């Protein structure tokens, strides 16, 4: 079963992580970053890491949230990520 959680992020961003337990018992995750302004909302799906599998759901979430925060830091306009 897929589990979806939303995590806070700097600026006008939120991070949504969907985790799923695979047939081999390990966990996989995918991430969507949402950037919301007063006039629009943009969804950025991070590329899937097909070989990234984790022993626990928490490890999968932590990995994906870290990737998302890194993306926000590198790609947000100056002054909006803090």
Protein backbone atom coordinates (compact mmCIF):
# COMPACT_ATOMS: atom_id res chain seq x y z
CA UNK A 1 0.00 0.00 0.00
CA UNK A 2 1.26 3.46 -0.90
CA UNK A 3 1.66 5.94 1.96
CA UNK A 4 1.71 9.68 1.21
CA UNK A 5 3.02 12.33 3.59
CA UNK A 6 3.61 16.06 3.28
CA UNK A 7 6.58 17.77 4.89
CA UNK A 8 7.20 21.49 5.42
CA UNK A 9 9.95 23.16 3.43
CA UNK A 10 11.51 26.62 3.28
CA UNK A 11 9.77 29.47 1.50
CA UNK A 12 6.58 28.77 -0.40
CA UNK A 13 7.43 25.08 -0.90
CA UNK A 14 6.05 21.81 0.44
CA UNK A 15 7.43 18.32 -0.07
CA UNK A 16 5.16 15.33 -0.70
CA UNK A 17 6.67 11.86 -0.41
CA UNK A 18 4.91 8.67 -1.43
CA UNK A 19 6.43 5.46 -0.05
CA UNK A 20 5.65 1.89 -0.96
CA UNK A 21 6.81 -1.45 0.35
CA UNK A 22 8.06 -3.52 -2.57
CA UNK A 23 7.61 -7.27 -3.09
CA UNK A 24 11.11 -7.90 -1.72
CA UNK A 25 10.15 -6.17 1.56
CA UNK A 26 12.28 -3.10 0.97
CA UNK A 27 10.90 0.44 0.65
CA UNK A 28 10.85 2.76 -2.36
CA UNK A 29 9.77 6.42 -2.54
CA UNK A 30 8.96 9.19 -5.00
CA UNK A 31 8.78 12.92 -4.35
CA UNK A 32 6.81 15.92 -5.57
CA UNK A 33 7.82 19.44 -4.62
CA UNK A 34 5.04 22.04 -4.66
CA UNK A 35 5.73 25.74 -5.02
CA UNK A 36 2.69 27.85 -4.22
CA UNK A 37 2.28 31.57 -4.81
CA UNK A 38 -0.75 33.82 -4.56
CA UNK A 39 -1.40 33.29 -8.27
CA UNK A 40 -0.33 29.74 -9.03
CA UNK A 41 0.91 26.35 -7.91
CA UNK A 42 3.72 24.44 -9.59
CA UNK A 43 4.43 20.74 -9.04
CA UNK A 44 7.94 19.43 -9.63
CA UNK A 45 8.31 15.64 -9.71
CA UNK A 46 11.85 14.62 -8.86
CA UNK A 47 13.35 11.90 -11.05
CA UNK A 48 12.77 8.43 -9.65
CA UNK A 49 15.82 6.70 -8.20
CA UNK A 50 15.05 3.17 -9.44
CA UNK A 51 17.89 1.55 -7.50
CA UNK A 52 17.19 3.39 -4.24
CA UNK A 53 15.63 0.85 -1.87
CA UNK A 54 15.57 1.11 1.90
CA UNK A 55 15.15 -1.17 4.90
CA UNK A 56 12.53 1.07 6.50
CA UNK A 57 9.86 3.52 5.41
CA UNK A 58 11.51 6.19 7.55
CA UNK A 59 14.83 5.78 5.71
CA UNK A 60 13.05 6.15 2.36
CA UNK A 61 11.26 9.31 3.53
CA UNK A 62 14.44 10.84 4.95
CA UNK A 63 16.33 10.18 1.71
CA UNK A 64 13.62 11.77 -0.45
CA UNK A 65 13.09 14.79 1.82
CA UNK A 66 16.85 15.39 1.67
CA UNK A 67 16.80 15.23 -2.13
CA UNK A 68 13.89 17.67 -2.22
CA UNK A 69 15.54 20.15 0.15
CA UNK A 70 18.69 20.02 -1.98
CA UNK A 71 16.62 20.69 -5.13
CA UNK A 72 14.89 23.65 -3.45
CA UNK A 73 18.23 25.09 -2.31
CA UNK A 74 19.69 24.85 -5.83
CA UNK A 75 16.62 25.94 -7.79
CA UNK A 76 14.63 28.44 -5.75
CA UNK A 77 14.94 32.12 -6.58
CA UNK A 78 17.42 33.93 -4.35
CA UNK A 79 15.95 34.79 -0.99
CA UNK A 80 12.95 32.40 -1.05
CA UNK A 81 14.54 29.23 0.32
CA UNK A 82 15.37 30.56 3.79
